[in-house]
């Protein structure tokens, strides 16, 4: 199953969840591979741009199963910044209708005493009361066992960040799941 296939079909066999209704003020940056998405995301976030990594709609899928959603009004500045950083996208597409809306990468399941967030093929599960990481699973990359060993049994706030210690697509997906579960726990 491909990186994007899970989201298209959903964990329960339904359709992938569109993040929000399409807005004319958003655009999508399409890249050749995941490394380029990560580089561009880091560059844009470091410059303070409000961007999100999403799944591409099928109509614009090119090489990578990730895209970056960005404020369309800022496209010239964003494109200049990415060009200067050596991370230009293959293309920039305005979100003009529901078929071009990016797909949300996250799925959250509340199991009562536990909370699980899935991003792409990686899952992180915590015991909600203590916010201790009780399970990390998914993926097939060689750093997944190392990531699990480094994070299991620690609180969300004490565990090393997967973005700092992971080196593969699975590590990146786990970093997204970790950031999302931290966001959800901070909001509650």
N, C-alpha and C. Protein backbone atom coordinates (compact mmCIF):
# COMPACT_ATOMS: atom_id res chain seq x y z
N UNK A 1 0.86 -1.18 0.00
CA UNK A 1 0.00 0.00 0.00
C UNK A 1 0.89 1.22 0.00
N UNK A 2 0.65 2.14 -0.91
CA UNK A 2 1.44 3.36 -1.01
C UNK A 2 1.16 4.31 0.14
N UNK A 3 2.06 5.27 0.26
CA UNK A 3 1.98 6.29 1.32
C UNK A 3 0.63 6.99 1.29
N UNK A 4 0.11 7.29 0.09
CA UNK A 4 -1.13 8.04 -0.04
C UNK A 4 -2.35 7.13 0.01
N UNK A 5 -2.20 5.85 -0.31
CA UNK A 5 -3.34 4.94 -0.43
C UNK A 5 -4.17 4.87 0.83
N UNK A 6 -3.53 4.88 1.99
CA UNK A 6 -4.26 4.80 3.25
C UNK A 6 -5.27 5.93 3.34
N UNK A 7 -4.89 7.12 2.94
CA UNK A 7 -5.74 8.28 3.08
C UNK A 7 -6.84 8.31 2.05
N UNK A 8 -6.58 7.78 0.89
CA UNK A 8 -7.60 7.74 -0.14
C UNK A 8 -8.72 6.79 0.28
N UNK A 9 -8.35 5.64 0.82
CA UNK A 9 -9.33 4.64 1.20
C UNK A 9 -9.77 4.75 2.65
N UNK A 10 -8.95 5.37 3.49
CA UNK A 10 -9.30 5.53 4.90
C UNK A 10 -9.08 4.24 5.67
N UNK A 11 -8.90 4.36 6.96
CA UNK A 11 -8.64 3.21 7.81
C UNK A 11 -9.88 2.33 7.93
N UNK A 12 -11.05 2.92 7.78
CA UNK A 12 -12.28 2.15 7.94
C UNK A 12 -12.97 1.92 6.60
N UNK A 13 -12.23 2.12 5.50
CA UNK A 13 -12.78 1.86 4.19
C UNK A 13 -13.51 3.05 3.58
N UNK A 14 -13.57 4.18 4.26
CA UNK A 14 -14.25 5.36 3.74
C UNK A 14 -13.32 6.17 2.87
N UNK A 15 -13.82 7.28 2.41
CA UNK A 15 -13.00 8.17 1.60
C UNK A 15 -12.06 8.97 2.47
N UNK A 16 -10.96 9.44 1.89
CA UNK A 16 -10.03 10.30 2.60
C UNK A 16 -10.74 11.58 3.03
N UNK A 17 -10.33 12.12 4.14
CA UNK A 17 -10.98 13.31 4.69
C UNK A 17 -10.32 14.55 4.10
N UNK A 18 -11.11 15.42 3.50
CA UNK A 18 -10.59 16.68 3.00
C UNK A 18 -10.44 17.59 4.21
N UNK A 19 -9.31 18.27 4.32
CA UNK A 19 -8.99 19.04 5.51
C UNK A 19 -10.00 20.13 5.80
N UNK A 20 -10.34 20.91 4.84
CA UNK A 20 -11.32 21.98 4.99
C UNK A 20 -11.93 22.20 3.62
N UNK A 21 -13.07 22.86 3.57
CA UNK A 21 -13.59 23.16 2.23
C UNK A 21 -12.55 23.97 1.46
N UNK A 22 -12.44 23.77 0.16
CA UNK A 22 -11.43 24.49 -0.60
C UNK A 22 -11.62 25.99 -0.47
N UNK A 23 -10.53 26.70 -0.32
CA UNK A 23 -10.56 28.14 -0.19
C UNK A 23 -9.74 28.72 -1.32
N UNK A 24 -10.27 29.76 -1.92
CA UNK A 24 -9.59 30.39 -3.05
C UNK A 24 -8.30 31.08 -2.64
N UNK A 25 -8.08 31.22 -1.33
CA UNK A 25 -6.87 31.92 -0.88
C UNK A 25 -5.71 30.96 -0.59
N UNK A 26 -5.84 29.69 -0.94
CA UNK A 26 -4.80 28.70 -0.67
C UNK A 26 -4.23 28.16 -1.97
N UNK A 27 -2.98 27.75 -1.91
CA UNK A 27 -2.33 27.10 -3.04
C UNK A 27 -1.62 25.85 -2.57
N UNK A 28 -1.18 25.05 -3.50
CA UNK A 28 -0.47 23.80 -3.21
C UNK A 28 0.86 23.83 -3.95
N UNK A 29 1.93 23.48 -3.23
CA UNK A 29 3.25 23.33 -3.84
C UNK A 29 3.50 21.84 -4.03
N UNK A 30 3.82 21.45 -5.25
CA UNK A 30 4.04 20.05 -5.61
C UNK A 30 5.54 19.82 -5.79
N UNK A 31 6.04 18.73 -5.20
CA UNK A 31 7.47 18.43 -5.24
C UNK A 31 7.72 17.04 -5.80
N UNK A 32 8.95 16.81 -6.20
CA UNK A 32 9.36 15.53 -6.78
C UNK A 32 9.42 14.42 -5.74
N UNK A 33 9.95 14.75 -4.54
CA UNK A 33 10.13 13.70 -3.53
C UNK A 33 9.97 14.25 -2.12
N UNK A 34 9.91 13.36 -1.16
CA UNK A 34 9.68 13.71 0.24
C UNK A 34 10.79 14.58 0.81
N UNK A 35 12.02 14.32 0.44
CA UNK A 35 13.14 15.13 0.95
C UNK A 35 12.96 16.59 0.58
N UNK A 36 12.48 16.84 -0.65
CA UNK A 36 12.25 18.21 -1.07
C UNK A 36 11.11 18.86 -0.29
N UNK A 37 10.07 18.09 0.03
CA UNK A 37 8.96 18.61 0.83
C UNK A 37 9.48 19.01 2.22
N UNK A 38 10.27 18.14 2.83
CA UNK A 38 10.81 18.42 4.16
C UNK A 38 11.69 19.66 4.13
N UNK A 39 12.56 19.76 3.14
CA UNK A 39 13.44 20.92 3.02
C UNK A 39 12.62 22.21 2.85
N UNK A 40 11.62 22.17 1.98
CA UNK A 40 10.79 23.35 1.74
C UNK A 40 9.96 23.71 2.97
N UNK A 41 9.41 22.70 3.64
CA UNK A 41 8.63 22.95 4.85
C UNK A 41 9.50 23.62 5.92
N UNK A 42 10.68 23.08 6.14
CA UNK A 42 11.59 23.66 7.14
C UNK A 42 11.94 25.10 6.78
N UNK A 43 12.23 25.35 5.52
CA UNK A 43 12.59 26.69 5.05
C UNK A 43 11.44 27.67 5.27
N UNK A 44 10.23 27.27 4.88
CA UNK A 44 9.07 28.16 4.99
C UNK A 44 8.67 28.41 6.43
N UNK A 45 8.70 27.36 7.25
CA UNK A 45 8.34 27.54 8.67
C UNK A 45 9.38 28.40 9.39
N UNK A 46 10.66 28.22 9.05
CA UNK A 46 11.71 29.04 9.67
C UNK A 46 11.52 30.52 9.32
N UNK A 47 10.95 30.79 8.14
CA UNK A 47 10.69 32.17 7.72
C UNK A 47 9.35 32.68 8.25
N UNK A 48 8.62 31.83 8.98
CA UNK A 48 7.37 32.26 9.60
C UNK A 48 6.12 32.13 8.75
N UNK A 49 6.18 31.41 7.64
CA UNK A 49 5.01 31.25 6.78
C UNK A 49 4.06 30.20 7.35
N UNK A 50 2.74 30.45 7.31
CA UNK A 50 1.75 29.48 7.80
C UNK A 50 1.48 28.41 6.73
N UNK A 51 2.24 27.33 6.77
CA UNK A 51 2.10 26.27 5.78
C UNK A 51 1.76 24.96 6.48
N UNK A 52 1.16 24.03 5.70
CA UNK A 52 0.84 22.70 6.22
C UNK A 52 1.22 21.66 5.19
N UNK A 53 1.77 20.55 5.66
CA UNK A 53 2.04 19.41 4.78
C UNK A 53 0.75 18.60 4.72
N UNK A 54 0.35 18.27 3.51
CA UNK A 54 -0.92 17.57 3.27
C UNK A 54 -0.69 16.46 2.25
N UNK A 55 -1.71 15.66 2.03
CA UNK A 55 -1.70 14.69 0.95
C UNK A 55 -2.20 15.36 -0.31
N UNK A 56 -1.62 15.04 -1.46
CA UNK A 56 -2.05 15.69 -2.70
C UNK A 56 -3.39 15.14 -3.18
N UNK A 57 -4.21 15.99 -3.79
CA UNK A 57 -5.40 15.46 -4.44
C UNK A 57 -4.96 14.64 -5.66
N UNK A 58 -5.69 13.59 -6.02
CA UNK A 58 -5.28 12.73 -7.13
C UNK A 58 -5.04 13.49 -8.44
N UNK A 59 -5.73 14.58 -8.65
CA UNK A 59 -5.62 15.32 -9.91
C UNK A 59 -4.25 15.96 -10.11
N UNK A 60 -3.49 16.17 -9.03
CA UNK A 60 -2.19 16.83 -9.20
C UNK A 60 -1.03 16.00 -8.67
N UNK A 61 -1.26 14.75 -8.34
CA UNK A 61 -0.18 13.91 -7.84
C UNK A 61 0.87 13.74 -8.93
N UNK A 62 2.12 14.02 -8.60
CA UNK A 62 3.20 13.92 -9.59
C UNK A 62 4.21 12.86 -9.18
N UNK A 63 5.09 13.19 -8.25
CA UNK A 63 6.11 12.24 -7.86
C UNK A 63 6.02 11.90 -6.39
N UNK A 64 5.62 12.86 -5.57
CA UNK A 64 5.64 12.70 -4.13
C UNK A 64 4.23 12.60 -3.59
N UNK A 65 4.04 11.87 -2.51
CA UNK A 65 2.74 11.74 -1.89
C UNK A 65 2.49 12.79 -0.83
N UNK A 66 3.19 13.90 -0.89
CA UNK A 66 2.99 15.02 0.01
C UNK A 66 3.02 16.32 -0.78
N UNK A 67 2.25 17.31 -0.33
CA UNK A 67 2.28 18.66 -0.89
C UNK A 67 2.31 19.64 0.27
N UNK A 68 2.60 20.88 -0.03
CA UNK A 68 2.57 21.92 0.99
C UNK A 68 1.47 22.90 0.62
N UNK A 69 0.54 23.10 1.56
CA UNK A 69 -0.52 24.09 1.38
C UNK A 69 0.00 25.41 1.93
N UNK A 70 -0.26 26.50 1.20
CA UNK A 70 0.29 27.81 1.59
C UNK A 70 -0.70 28.91 1.25
N UNK A 71 -0.53 30.12 1.83
CA UNK A 71 -1.40 31.24 1.48
C UNK A 71 -1.07 31.75 0.08
N UNK A 72 -2.03 31.64 -0.82
CA UNK A 72 -1.82 31.93 -2.23
C UNK A 72 -1.38 33.38 -2.48
N UNK A 73 -1.87 34.29 -1.69
CA UNK A 73 -1.52 35.70 -1.88
C UNK A 73 -0.02 35.94 -1.71
N UNK A 74 0.66 35.05 -1.03
CA UNK A 74 2.10 35.18 -0.76
C UNK A 74 2.95 34.37 -1.74
N UNK A 75 2.35 33.90 -2.84
CA UNK A 75 3.06 32.98 -3.73
C UNK A 75 4.38 33.53 -4.27
N UNK A 76 4.44 34.80 -4.62
CA UNK A 76 5.69 35.33 -5.18
C UNK A 76 6.81 35.31 -4.15
N UNK A 77 6.52 35.75 -2.93
CA UNK A 77 7.55 35.74 -1.88
C UNK A 77 7.97 34.31 -1.52
N UNK A 78 6.99 33.42 -1.44
CA UNK A 78 7.29 32.02 -1.11
C UNK A 78 8.13 31.38 -2.21
N UNK A 79 7.77 31.61 -3.47
CA UNK A 79 8.54 31.04 -4.58
C UNK A 79 9.96 31.60 -4.60
N UNK A 80 10.12 32.90 -4.33
CA UNK A 80 11.47 33.49 -4.28
C UNK A 80 12.29 32.85 -3.16
N UNK A 81 11.67 32.69 -1.99
CA UNK A 81 12.37 32.09 -0.86
C UNK A 81 12.80 30.65 -1.17
N UNK A 82 11.91 29.87 -1.76
CA UNK A 82 12.24 28.48 -2.09
C UNK A 82 13.31 28.41 -3.19
N UNK A 83 13.23 29.28 -4.17
CA UNK A 83 14.26 29.32 -5.21
C UNK A 83 15.62 29.64 -4.60
N UNK A 84 15.64 30.64 -3.74
CA UNK A 84 16.90 31.05 -3.09
C UNK A 84 17.46 29.92 -2.21
N UNK A 85 16.58 29.15 -1.58
CA UNK A 85 17.01 28.05 -0.71
C UNK A 85 17.35 26.79 -1.51
N UNK A 86 17.17 26.82 -2.82
CA UNK A 86 17.45 25.65 -3.64
C UNK A 86 16.40 24.56 -3.50
N UNK A 87 15.17 24.96 -3.17
CA UNK A 87 14.09 23.99 -2.97
C UNK A 87 12.84 24.38 -3.76
N UNK A 88 13.00 24.66 -5.07
CA UNK A 88 11.82 25.07 -5.84
C UNK A 88 10.88 23.88 -6.08
N UNK A 89 9.58 24.13 -6.06
CA UNK A 89 8.63 23.05 -6.33
C UNK A 89 8.56 22.74 -7.82
N UNK A 90 8.01 21.57 -8.15
CA UNK A 90 7.75 21.24 -9.55
C UNK A 90 6.71 22.18 -10.12
N UNK A 91 5.70 22.47 -9.29
CA UNK A 91 4.67 23.41 -9.71
C UNK A 91 3.93 23.95 -8.51
N UNK A 92 3.22 25.06 -8.77
CA UNK A 92 2.36 25.69 -7.78
C UNK A 92 0.96 25.66 -8.37
N UNK A 93 -0.01 25.16 -7.59
CA UNK A 93 -1.37 25.02 -8.08
C UNK A 93 -2.32 25.75 -7.13
N UNK A 94 -3.12 26.70 -7.65
CA UNK A 94 -4.13 27.32 -6.79
C UNK A 94 -5.24 26.31 -6.49
N UNK A 95 -5.77 26.34 -5.27
CA UNK A 95 -6.88 25.47 -4.91
C UNK A 95 -8.15 26.17 -5.38
N UNK A 96 -8.68 25.70 -6.50
CA UNK A 96 -9.81 26.39 -7.13
C UNK A 96 -11.12 25.62 -7.03
N UNK A 97 -11.10 24.43 -6.49
CA UNK A 97 -12.33 23.66 -6.38
C UNK A 97 -12.14 22.45 -5.50
N UNK A 98 -13.22 21.74 -5.19
CA UNK A 98 -13.12 20.60 -4.27
C UNK A 98 -12.21 19.49 -4.75
N UNK A 99 -12.05 19.33 -6.05
CA UNK A 99 -11.18 18.26 -6.56
C UNK A 99 -9.70 18.58 -6.34
N UNK A 100 -9.37 19.84 -6.09
CA UNK A 100 -7.98 20.21 -5.86
C UNK A 100 -7.67 20.42 -4.38
N UNK A 101 -8.62 20.14 -3.51
CA UNK A 101 -8.39 20.31 -2.07
C UNK A 101 -7.43 19.23 -1.59
N UNK A 102 -6.39 19.62 -0.82
CA UNK A 102 -5.48 18.61 -0.28
C UNK A 102 -6.18 17.74 0.77
N UNK A 103 -5.63 16.56 1.00
CA UNK A 103 -6.19 15.59 1.93
C UNK A 103 -5.46 15.68 3.25
N UNK A 104 -6.21 15.68 4.35
CA UNK A 104 -5.62 15.72 5.68
C UNK A 104 -4.83 14.44 5.92
N UNK A 105 -3.63 14.58 6.47
CA UNK A 105 -2.77 13.42 6.73
C UNK A 105 -3.09 12.71 8.03
N UNK A 106 -3.88 13.32 8.91
CA UNK A 106 -4.04 12.79 10.26
C UNK A 106 -5.35 12.07 10.46
N UNK A 107 -5.27 11.03 11.30
CA UNK A 107 -6.45 10.33 11.79
C UNK A 107 -6.24 10.16 13.28
N UNK A 108 -7.22 10.58 14.06
CA UNK A 108 -7.14 10.47 15.52
C UNK A 108 -8.21 9.51 15.99
N UNK A 109 -7.83 8.61 16.90
CA UNK A 109 -8.78 7.68 17.49
C UNK A 109 -8.64 7.77 19.01
N UNK A 110 -9.77 8.01 19.68
CA UNK A 110 -9.81 8.07 21.14
C UNK A 110 -10.30 6.72 21.65
N UNK A 111 -9.44 6.02 22.38
CA UNK A 111 -9.78 4.70 22.92
C UNK A 111 -10.14 4.78 24.40
N UNK A 112 -10.64 5.91 24.86
CA UNK A 112 -10.98 6.07 26.27
C UNK A 112 -9.76 6.51 27.07
N UNK A 113 -9.03 5.56 27.60
CA UNK A 113 -7.83 5.87 28.39
C UNK A 113 -6.61 6.18 27.51
N UNK A 114 -6.72 5.86 26.22
CA UNK A 114 -5.60 6.06 25.30
C UNK A 114 -6.02 6.91 24.12
N UNK A 115 -5.07 7.58 23.53
CA UNK A 115 -5.30 8.40 22.34
C UNK A 115 -4.25 8.02 21.31
N UNK A 116 -4.71 7.78 20.07
CA UNK A 116 -3.79 7.42 19.00
C UNK A 116 -3.92 8.42 17.87
N UNK A 117 -2.80 8.84 17.32
CA UNK A 117 -2.78 9.67 16.12
C UNK A 117 -1.98 8.92 15.07
N UNK A 118 -2.55 8.87 13.88
CA UNK A 118 -1.89 8.25 12.74
C UNK A 118 -1.60 9.34 11.72
N UNK A 119 -0.37 9.37 11.25
CA UNK A 119 0.02 10.26 10.15
C UNK A 119 0.66 9.36 9.11
N UNK A 120 0.05 9.31 7.95
CA UNK A 120 0.52 8.41 6.90
C UNK A 120 0.52 6.99 7.44
N UNK A 121 1.67 6.33 7.43
CA UNK A 121 1.73 4.94 7.85
C UNK A 121 2.24 4.77 9.28
N UNK A 122 2.41 5.86 10.01
CA UNK A 122 2.97 5.78 11.37
C UNK A 122 1.92 6.16 12.41
N UNK A 123 1.93 5.42 13.53
CA UNK A 123 0.99 5.68 14.62
C UNK A 123 1.76 5.89 15.91
N UNK A 124 1.23 6.80 16.73
CA UNK A 124 1.74 7.00 18.08
C UNK A 124 0.52 6.97 19.00
N UNK A 125 0.64 6.23 20.10
CA UNK A 125 -0.46 6.09 21.05
C UNK A 125 0.06 6.44 22.44
N UNK A 126 -0.75 7.23 23.16
CA UNK A 126 -0.37 7.61 24.52
C UNK A 126 -1.46 7.20 25.51
N UNK A 127 -1.05 7.05 26.76
CA UNK A 127 -1.99 6.91 27.86
C UNK A 127 -2.36 8.35 28.20
N UNK A 128 -3.65 8.71 28.09
CA UNK A 128 -4.05 10.11 28.16
C UNK A 128 -3.76 10.76 29.52
N UNK A 129 -3.99 10.04 30.62
CA UNK A 129 -3.82 10.64 31.94
C UNK A 129 -2.40 11.13 32.17
N UNK A 130 -1.42 10.29 31.86
CA UNK A 130 -0.01 10.65 32.10
C UNK A 130 0.68 11.21 30.86
N UNK A 131 0.04 11.08 29.70
CA UNK A 131 0.61 11.47 28.41
C UNK A 131 1.91 10.71 28.11
N UNK A 132 1.96 9.46 28.59
CA UNK A 132 3.09 8.58 28.35
C UNK A 132 2.89 7.85 27.03
N UNK A 133 3.94 7.78 26.23
CA UNK A 133 3.89 7.07 24.95
C UNK A 133 3.91 5.58 25.24
N UNK A 134 2.84 4.89 24.80
CA UNK A 134 2.71 3.45 25.08
C UNK A 134 2.90 2.59 23.83
N UNK A 135 2.81 3.20 22.63
CA UNK A 135 2.99 2.41 21.42
C UNK A 135 3.39 3.31 20.26
N UNK A 136 4.30 2.80 19.46
CA UNK A 136 4.68 3.41 18.18
C UNK A 136 4.70 2.26 17.19
N UNK A 137 3.98 2.42 16.09
CA UNK A 137 3.93 1.32 15.13
C UNK A 137 3.74 1.85 13.72
N UNK A 138 3.92 0.95 12.78
CA UNK A 138 3.73 1.27 11.37
C UNK A 138 5.04 1.41 10.64
N UNK A 139 4.91 1.61 9.36
CA UNK A 139 6.09 1.85 8.53
C UNK A 139 6.94 0.61 8.34
N UNK A 140 7.90 0.76 7.48
CA UNK A 140 8.82 -0.33 7.22
C UNK A 140 10.24 0.17 7.09
N UNK A 141 10.46 1.39 7.54
CA UNK A 141 11.79 1.99 7.41
C UNK A 141 12.72 1.47 8.51
N UNK A 142 14.01 1.47 8.25
CA UNK A 142 14.95 0.88 9.20
C UNK A 142 15.08 1.63 10.53
N UNK A 143 14.65 2.89 10.60
CA UNK A 143 14.81 3.61 11.86
C UNK A 143 13.59 3.50 12.79
N UNK A 144 12.51 2.81 12.36
CA UNK A 144 11.31 2.70 13.20
C UNK A 144 11.61 2.01 14.54
N UNK A 145 12.32 0.88 14.57
CA UNK A 145 12.61 0.27 15.89
C UNK A 145 13.43 1.20 16.79
N UNK A 146 14.38 1.92 16.23
CA UNK A 146 15.17 2.86 17.01
C UNK A 146 14.30 3.98 17.57
N UNK A 147 13.42 4.53 16.73
CA UNK A 147 12.51 5.59 17.18
C UNK A 147 11.62 5.09 18.32
N UNK A 148 11.07 3.89 18.15
CA UNK A 148 10.20 3.33 19.20
C UNK A 148 10.97 3.14 20.49
N UNK A 149 12.17 2.58 20.42
CA UNK A 149 12.97 2.35 21.62
C UNK A 149 13.31 3.67 22.32
N UNK A 150 13.59 4.70 21.56
CA UNK A 150 13.97 5.98 22.14
C UNK A 150 12.79 6.71 22.77
N UNK A 151 11.56 6.42 22.32
CA UNK A 151 10.41 7.20 22.77
C UNK A 151 9.46 6.48 23.72
N UNK A 152 9.36 5.16 23.62
CA UNK A 152 8.41 4.42 24.44
C UNK A 152 8.69 4.58 25.93
N UNK A 153 7.60 4.71 26.70
CA UNK A 153 7.71 4.82 28.15
C UNK A 153 8.01 6.23 28.64
N UNK A 154 8.19 7.16 27.74
CA UNK A 154 8.48 8.56 28.11
C UNK A 154 7.24 9.41 27.85
N UNK A 155 7.13 10.52 28.54
CA UNK A 155 6.01 11.42 28.26
C UNK A 155 6.23 12.09 26.92
N UNK A 156 5.16 12.60 26.36
CA UNK A 156 5.27 13.33 25.08
C UNK A 156 6.30 14.43 25.16
N UNK A 157 6.44 15.02 26.32
CA UNK A 157 7.26 16.22 26.49
C UNK A 157 8.71 15.86 26.82
N UNK A 158 8.97 14.64 27.28
CA UNK A 158 10.34 14.20 27.60
C UNK A 158 10.99 13.40 26.47
N UNK A 159 10.17 12.78 25.66
CA UNK A 159 10.69 11.92 24.59
C UNK A 159 11.42 12.77 23.55
N UNK A 160 12.46 12.20 22.94
CA UNK A 160 13.12 12.94 21.85
C UNK A 160 12.14 13.14 20.70
N UNK A 161 12.30 14.22 20.01
CA UNK A 161 11.42 14.51 18.87
C UNK A 161 11.86 13.66 17.68
N UNK A 162 10.92 12.96 17.06
CA UNK A 162 11.27 12.12 15.90
C UNK A 162 11.95 12.92 14.79
N UNK A 163 11.62 14.18 14.66
CA UNK A 163 12.23 15.03 13.62
C UNK A 163 13.73 15.16 13.88
N UNK A 164 14.13 15.09 15.16
CA UNK A 164 15.55 15.24 15.52
C UNK A 164 16.35 13.94 15.39
N UNK A 165 15.67 12.79 15.52
CA UNK A 165 16.42 11.53 15.52
C UNK A 165 16.06 10.58 14.37
N UNK A 166 14.98 10.87 13.63
CA UNK A 166 14.58 10.03 12.50
C UNK A 166 15.24 10.50 11.22
N UNK A 167 15.40 9.59 10.28
CA UNK A 167 16.09 9.94 9.03
C UNK A 167 15.40 9.43 7.78
N UNK A 168 14.16 8.95 7.93
CA UNK A 168 13.48 8.35 6.79
C UNK A 168 12.08 8.94 6.66
N UNK A 169 11.35 8.51 5.63
CA UNK A 169 9.97 8.91 5.46
C UNK A 169 9.14 8.50 6.68
N UNK A 170 9.38 7.32 7.21
CA UNK A 170 8.65 6.87 8.40
C UNK A 170 8.96 7.78 9.59
N UNK A 171 10.22 8.17 9.75
CA UNK A 171 10.59 9.08 10.82
C UNK A 171 9.89 10.42 10.67
N UNK A 172 9.78 10.89 9.43
CA UNK A 172 9.10 12.15 9.17
C UNK A 172 7.60 12.02 9.48
N UNK A 173 6.98 10.92 9.05
CA UNK A 173 5.56 10.70 9.33
C UNK A 173 5.32 10.61 10.84
N UNK A 174 6.23 9.94 11.56
CA UNK A 174 6.10 9.86 13.02
C UNK A 174 6.26 11.25 13.63
N UNK A 175 7.13 12.07 13.09
CA UNK A 175 7.29 13.44 13.60
C UNK A 175 5.99 14.22 13.43
N UNK A 176 5.33 14.06 12.30
CA UNK A 176 4.05 14.73 12.09
C UNK A 176 3.01 14.24 13.09
N UNK A 177 2.95 12.91 13.30
CA UNK A 177 2.00 12.35 14.27
C UNK A 177 2.30 12.84 15.68
N UNK A 178 3.58 12.89 16.04
CA UNK A 178 4.00 13.37 17.36
C UNK A 178 3.60 14.83 17.55
N UNK A 179 3.85 15.66 16.55
CA UNK A 179 3.49 17.08 16.64
C UNK A 179 1.98 17.25 16.78
N UNK A 180 1.21 16.43 16.05
CA UNK A 180 -0.25 16.53 16.11
C UNK A 180 -0.78 16.08 17.46
N UNK A 181 -0.26 14.99 18.01
CA UNK A 181 -0.75 14.53 19.31
C UNK A 181 -0.35 15.52 20.41
N UNK A 182 0.81 16.13 20.29
CA UNK A 182 1.22 17.18 21.24
C UNK A 182 0.28 18.39 21.15
N UNK A 183 -0.07 18.75 19.92
CA UNK A 183 -1.00 19.87 19.72
C UNK A 183 -2.35 19.56 20.35
N UNK A 184 -2.86 18.34 20.14
CA UNK A 184 -4.15 17.96 20.70
C UNK A 184 -4.11 17.93 22.22
N UNK A 185 -3.01 17.45 22.80
CA UNK A 185 -2.90 17.39 24.26
C UNK A 185 -2.75 18.79 24.86
N UNK A 186 -2.09 19.68 24.16
CA UNK A 186 -1.96 21.05 24.64
C UNK A 186 -3.27 21.80 24.61
N UNK A 187 -4.12 21.46 23.63
CA UNK A 187 -5.40 22.15 23.45
C UNK A 187 -6.45 21.67 24.46
N UNK A 188 -6.25 20.48 25.03
CA UNK A 188 -7.27 19.95 25.95
C UNK A 188 -7.02 20.30 27.38
